[in-house]
Amino acid sequence: MTASEALNLYKSRDISEKLSGSDKTFLGNRSFRVASSQAAEAKIFIQFIALIIRARIYTLLRKRKAEMPGKPNYLSVPSALKELEKIELIRQPNGNYKLDHAVTATQKVILGAFGLDEEWIKAQARQIGKDIQNAAMPEEQKDDDEDAENEEY
């Protein structure tokens, strides 16, 4: 192993230890507040999965940051998540759902780090809008719509 590889490995170990130690802050783990040991184990497991996901997000953003000419400050995990939270659906007066705003250039860069693009976001928004409309539909109307779809002409 070269000296630079050893240094990178050491730095990543340090980051992992810091993440494990700081889970109290970003996962709300100051106290367990559970009634049983089974619930505590479940909460620890979920926190472990959250740390894995956060580490993957961190790795992808760091890789994207290294590819860019400048060092944008929006490619940290908290900043990226805050930026992506701005992507939201709104309900139109006709009952349809659509994206509240266009996907910004910053959001496109962040999405690109995950292998996603604006078209994927739009497709997901359309699908979620359809799912929300179908969930809000009365059962009788759903049955009528399904019967109409199954009719042959």
C-alpha atoms as a PDB file:
ATOM      1  CA  MET A   1       0.000   0.000   0.000  1.00  0.00           C
ATOM      2  CA  THR A   2       1.320   3.430  -0.858  1.00  0.00           C
ATOM      3  CA  ALA A   3       1.577   6.227   1.658  1.00  0.00           C
ATOM      4  CA  SER A   4      -1.336   8.113   0.052  1.00  0.00           C
ATOM      5  CA  GLU A   5      -3.531   4.979   0.137  1.00  0.00           C
ATOM      6  CA  ALA A   6      -2.674   4.474   3.810  1.00  0.00           C
ATOM      7  CA  LEU A   7      -3.510   8.100   4.559  1.00  0.00           C
ATOM      8  CA  ASN A   8      -6.864   7.840   2.745  1.00  0.00           C
ATOM      9  CA  LEU A   9      -7.672   4.636   4.642  1.00  0.00           C
ATOM     10  CA  TYR A  10      -6.774   6.294   7.939  1.00  0.00           C
ATOM     11  CA  LYS A  11      -8.890   9.352   7.135  1.00  0.00           C
ATOM     12  CA  SER A  12     -11.884   7.207   6.184  1.00  0.00           C
ATOM     13  CA  ARG A  13     -11.526   5.271   9.455  1.00  0.00           C
ATOM     14  CA  ASP A  14     -11.490   8.543  11.365  1.00  0.00           C
ATOM     15  CA  ILE A  15     -14.606   9.698   9.528  1.00  0.00           C
ATOM     16  CA  SER A  16     -16.387   6.421  10.352  1.00  0.00           C
ATOM     17  CA  GLU A  17     -15.545   6.785  14.028  1.00  0.00           C
ATOM     18  CA  LYS A  18     -16.751  10.384  14.049  1.00  0.00           C
ATOM     19  CA  LEU A  19     -20.008   9.355  12.354  1.00  0.00           C
ATOM     20  CA  SER A  20     -20.615   6.633  14.920  1.00  0.00           C
ATOM     21  CA  GLY A  21     -19.897   9.069  17.728  1.00  0.00           C
ATOM     22  CA  SER A  22     -22.059  11.812  16.291  1.00  0.00           C
ATOM     23  CA  ASP A  23     -25.128   9.683  15.624  1.00  0.00           C
ATOM     24  CA  LYS A  24     -26.565  11.215  18.769  1.00  0.00           C
ATOM     25  CA  THR A  25     -26.849  14.566  17.031  1.00  0.00           C
ATOM     26  CA  PHE A  26     -28.223  13.794  13.593  1.00  0.00           C
ATOM     27  CA  LEU A  27     -30.220  10.664  14.488  1.00  0.00           C
ATOM     28  CA  GLY A  28     -31.699  11.936  17.752  1.00  0.00           C
ATOM     29  CA  ASN A  29     -30.110   9.233  19.872  1.00  0.00           C
ATOM     30  CA  ARG A  30     -29.650  11.157  23.121  1.00  0.00           C
ATOM     31  CA  SER A  31     -31.821   8.619  24.902  1.00  0.00           C
ATOM     32  CA  PHE A  32     -33.564   5.571  23.567  1.00  0.00           C
ATOM     33  CA  ARG A  33     -37.006   6.240  25.068  1.00  0.00           C
ATOM     34  CA  VAL A  34     -38.193   2.723  24.397  1.00  0.00           C
ATOM     35  CA  ALA A  35     -40.193   0.305  26.524  1.00  0.00           C
ATOM     36  CA  SER A  36     -38.429  -2.972  25.738  1.00  0.00           C
ATOM     37  CA  SER A  37     -35.057  -4.352  24.764  1.00  0.00           C
ATOM     38  CA  GLN A  38     -36.581  -5.505  21.459  1.00  0.00           C
ATOM     39  CA  ALA A  39     -37.585  -1.934  20.661  1.00  0.00           C
ATOM     40  CA  ALA A  40     -34.081  -0.719  21.583  1.00  0.00           C
ATOM     41  CA  GLU A  41     -32.532  -3.316  19.258  1.00  0.00           C
ATOM     42  CA  ALA A  42     -34.865  -2.249  16.461  1.00  0.00           C
ATOM     43  CA  LYS A  43     -33.948   1.405  16.976  1.00  0.00           C
ATOM     44  CA  ILE A  44     -30.216   0.595  16.958  1.00  0.00           C
ATOM     45  CA  PHE A  45     -30.671  -1.416  13.762  1.00  0.00           C
ATOM     46  CA  ILE A  46     -32.507   1.437  12.047  1.00  0.00           C
ATOM     47  CA  GLN A  47     -29.797   3.863  13.150  1.00  0.00           C
ATOM     48  CA  PHE A  48     -27.158   1.522  11.750  1.00  0.00           C
ATOM     49  CA  ILE A  49     -28.961   1.436   8.390  1.00  0.00           C
ATOM     50  CA  ALA A  50     -29.252   5.247   8.482  1.00  0.00           C
ATOM     51  CA  LEU A  51     -25.500   5.518   9.061  1.00  0.00           C
ATOM     52  CA  ILE A  52     -24.841   3.240   6.096  1.00  0.00           C
ATOM     53  CA  ILE A  53     -27.086   5.380   3.881  1.00  0.00           C
ATOM     54  CA  ARG A  54     -25.480   8.588   5.144  1.00  0.00           C
ATOM     55  CA  ALA A  55     -22.006   7.167   4.498  1.00  0.00           C
ATOM     56  CA  ARG A  56     -23.021   6.255   0.934  1.00  0.00           C
ATOM     57  CA  ILE A  57     -24.400   9.741   0.344  1.00  0.00           C
ATOM     58  CA  TYR A  58     -21.177  11.228   1.750  1.00  0.00           C
ATOM     59  CA  THR A  59     -19.031   9.033  -0.514  1.00  0.00           C
ATOM     60  CA  LEU A  60     -20.991   9.895  -3.662  1.00  0.00           C
ATOM     61  CA  LEU A  61     -20.978  13.623  -2.898  1.00  0.00           C
ATOM     62  CA  ARG A  62     -17.251  13.588  -2.109  1.00  0.00           C
ATOM     63  CA  LYS A  63     -16.574  11.780  -5.404  1.00  0.00           C
ATOM     64  CA  ARG A  64     -18.654  14.351  -7.310  1.00  0.00           C
ATOM     65  CA  LYS A  65     -16.892  17.207  -5.515  1.00  0.00           C
ATOM     66  CA  ALA A  66     -13.496  15.804  -6.563  1.00  0.00           C
ATOM     67  CA  GLU A  67     -14.642  15.764 -10.211  1.00  0.00           C
ATOM     68  CA  MET A  68     -15.628  19.440 -10.147  1.00  0.00           C
ATOM     69  CA  PRO A  69     -13.167  22.266 -10.827  1.00  0.00           C
ATOM     70  CA  GLY A  70     -14.161  24.297  -7.759  1.00  0.00           C
ATOM     71  CA  LYS A  71     -15.041  23.121  -4.276  1.00  0.00           C
ATOM     72  CA  PRO A  72     -18.777  23.831  -3.981  1.00  0.00           C
ATOM     73  CA  ASN A  73     -20.001  24.022  -0.396  1.00  0.00           C
ATOM     74  CA  TYR A  74     -23.404  22.542  -1.276  1.00  0.00           C
ATOM     75  CA  LEU A  75     -21.912  19.057  -1.718  1.00  0.00           C
ATOM     76  CA  SER A  76     -21.848  18.261   1.998  1.00  0.00           C
ATOM     77  CA  VAL A  77     -24.455  15.818   3.305  1.00  0.00           C
ATOM     78  CA  PRO A  78     -26.492  18.354   5.336  1.00  0.00           C
ATOM     79  CA  SER A  79     -26.394  20.988   2.565  1.00  0.00           C
ATOM     80  CA  ALA A  80     -27.310  18.492  -0.147  1.00  0.00           C
ATOM     81  CA  LEU A  81     -30.237  17.130   1.847  1.00  0.00           C
ATOM     82  CA  LYS A  82     -31.521  20.654   2.581  1.00  0.00           C
ATOM     83  CA  GLU A  83     -31.271  21.498  -1.108  1.00  0.00           C
ATOM     84  CA  LEU A  84     -33.090  18.324  -2.190  1.00  0.00           C
ATOM     85  CA  GLU A  85     -35.849  18.925   0.374  1.00  0.00           C
ATOM     86  CA  LYS A  86     -36.875  21.912  -1.738  1.00  0.00           C
ATOM     87  CA  ILE A  87     -38.120  19.555  -4.453  1.00  0.00           C
ATOM     88  CA  GLU A  88     -41.788  19.206  -3.613  1.00  0.00           C
ATOM     89  CA  LEU A  89     -45.166  18.537  -5.174  1.00  0.00           C
ATOM     90  CA  ILE A  90     -48.121  20.883  -4.996  1.00  0.00           C
ATOM     91  CA  ARG A  91     -51.756  20.154  -5.652  1.00  0.00           C
ATOM     92  CA  GLN A  92     -53.304  22.032  -8.540  1.00  0.00           C
ATOM     93  CA  PRO A  93     -56.904  23.311  -8.395  1.00  0.00           C
ATOM     94  CA  ASN A  94     -57.931  20.517 -10.818  1.00  0.00           C
ATOM     95  CA  GLY A  95     -56.635  17.877  -8.371  1.00  0.00           C
ATOM     96  CA  ASN A  96     -53.477  17.046 -10.289  1.00  0.00           C
ATOM     97  CA  TYR A  97     -50.072  17.225  -8.635  1.00  0.00           C
ATOM     98  CA  LYS A  98     -46.944  18.766 -10.122  1.00  0.00           C
ATOM     99  CA  LEU A  99     -43.503  19.952  -9.075  1.00  0.00           C
ATOM    100  CA  ASP A 100     -43.671  23.250  -7.209  1.00  0.00           C
ATOM    101  CA  HIS A 101     -40.562  24.633  -8.936  1.00  0.00           C
ATOM    102  CA  ALA A 102     -38.216  23.583 -11.688  1.00  0.00           C
ATOM    103  CA  VAL A 103     -35.173  21.578 -10.633  1.00  0.00           C
ATOM    104  CA  THR A 104     -32.334  24.058 -10.036  1.00  0.00           C
ATOM    105  CA  ALA A 105     -28.786  23.758 -11.369  1.00  0.00           C
ATOM    106  CA  THR A 106     -27.523  23.010  -7.847  1.00  0.00           C
ATOM    107  CA  GLN A 107     -30.096  20.238  -7.443  1.00  0.00           C
ATOM    108  CA  LYS A 108     -29.088  18.814 -10.831  1.00  0.00           C
ATOM    109  CA  VAL A 109     -25.447  18.611  -9.705  1.00  0.00           C
ATOM    110  CA  ILE A 110     -26.448  16.861  -6.480  1.00  0.00           C
ATOM    111  CA  LEU A 111     -28.779  14.467  -8.318  1.00  0.00           C
ATOM    112  CA  GLY A 112     -26.000  13.779 -10.817  1.00  0.00           C
ATOM    113  CA  ALA A 113     -23.833  12.532  -7.951  1.00  0.00           C
ATOM    114  CA  PHE A 114     -26.455   9.813  -7.398  1.00  0.00           C
ATOM    115  CA  GLY A 115     -26.832   8.987 -11.093  1.00  0.00           C
ATOM    116  CA  LEU A 116     -30.201  10.744 -11.350  1.00  0.00           C
ATOM    117  CA  ASP A 117     -31.389  13.577 -13.548  1.00  0.00           C
ATOM    118  CA  GLU A 118     -34.252  16.037 -13.921  1.00  0.00           C
ATOM    119  CA  GLU A 119     -36.299  13.680 -16.102  1.00  0.00           C
ATOM    120  CA  TRP A 120     -36.168  10.986 -13.425  1.00  0.00           C
ATOM    121  CA  ILE A 121     -37.456  13.503 -10.853  1.00  0.00           C
ATOM    122  CA  LYS A 122     -40.296  14.535 -13.172  1.00  0.00           C
ATOM    123  CA  ALA A 123     -41.266  10.905 -13.822  1.00  0.00           C
ATOM    124  CA  GLN A 124     -41.263  10.161 -10.084  1.00  0.00           C
ATOM    125  CA  ALA A 125     -43.350  13.276  -9.414  1.00  0.00           C
ATOM    126  CA  ARG A 126     -45.934  12.174 -12.006  1.00  0.00           C
ATOM    127  CA  GLN A 127     -46.096   8.682 -10.501  1.00  0.00           C
ATOM    128  CA  ILE A 128     -46.416   9.978  -6.937  1.00  0.00           C
ATOM    129  CA  GLY A 129     -49.152  12.379  -8.077  1.00  0.00           C
ATOM    130  CA  LYS A 130     -51.072   9.483  -9.636  1.00  0.00           C
ATOM    131  CA  ASP A 131     -50.613   7.381  -6.494  1.00  0.00           C
ATOM    132  CA  ILE A 132     -51.916  10.214  -4.294  1.00  0.00           C
ATOM    133  CA  GLN A 133     -54.941  10.718  -6.537  1.00  0.00           C
ATOM    134  CA  ASN A 134     -55.710   6.983  -6.535  1.00  0.00           C
ATOM    135  CA  ALA A 135     -55.367   6.802  -2.751  1.00  0.00           C
ATOM    136  CA  ALA A 136     -57.784   9.721  -2.320  1.00  0.00           C
ATOM    137  CA  MET A 137     -60.385   8.231  -4.686  1.00  0.00           C
ATOM    138  CA  PRO A 138     -63.497   6.684  -3.086  1.00  0.00           C
ATOM    139  CA  GLU A 139     -63.600   2.865  -3.330  1.00  0.00           C
ATOM    140  CA  GLU A 140     -66.683   2.860  -5.592  1.00  0.00           C
ATOM    141  CA  GLN A 141     -64.983   5.132  -8.097  1.00  0.00           C
ATOM    142  CA  LYS A 142     -61.841   2.945  -8.058  1.00  0.00           C
ATOM    143  CA  ASP A 143     -63.980  -0.109  -8.790  1.00  0.00           C
ATOM    144  CA  ASP A 144     -65.731   1.717 -11.659  1.00  0.00           C
ATOM    145  CA  ASP A 145     -62.381   2.838 -13.109  1.00  0.00           C
ATOM    146  CA  GLU A 146     -60.977  -0.706 -12.896  1.00  0.00           C
ATOM    147  CA  ASP A 147     -64.098  -2.129 -14.574  1.00  0.00           C
ATOM    148  CA  ALA A 148     -63.794   0.446 -17.356  1.00  0.00           C
ATOM    149  CA  GLU A 149     -60.154  -0.474 -17.897  1.00  0.00           C
ATOM    150  CA  ASN A 150     -60.986  -4.193 -18.091  1.00  0.00           C
ATOM    151  CA  GLU A 151     -63.784  -3.775 -20.657  1.00  0.00           C
ATOM    152  CA  GLU A 152     -62.992  -4.902 -24.193  1.00  0.00           C
ATOM    153  CA  TYR A 153     -64.208  -2.905 -27.134  1.00  0.00           C
END
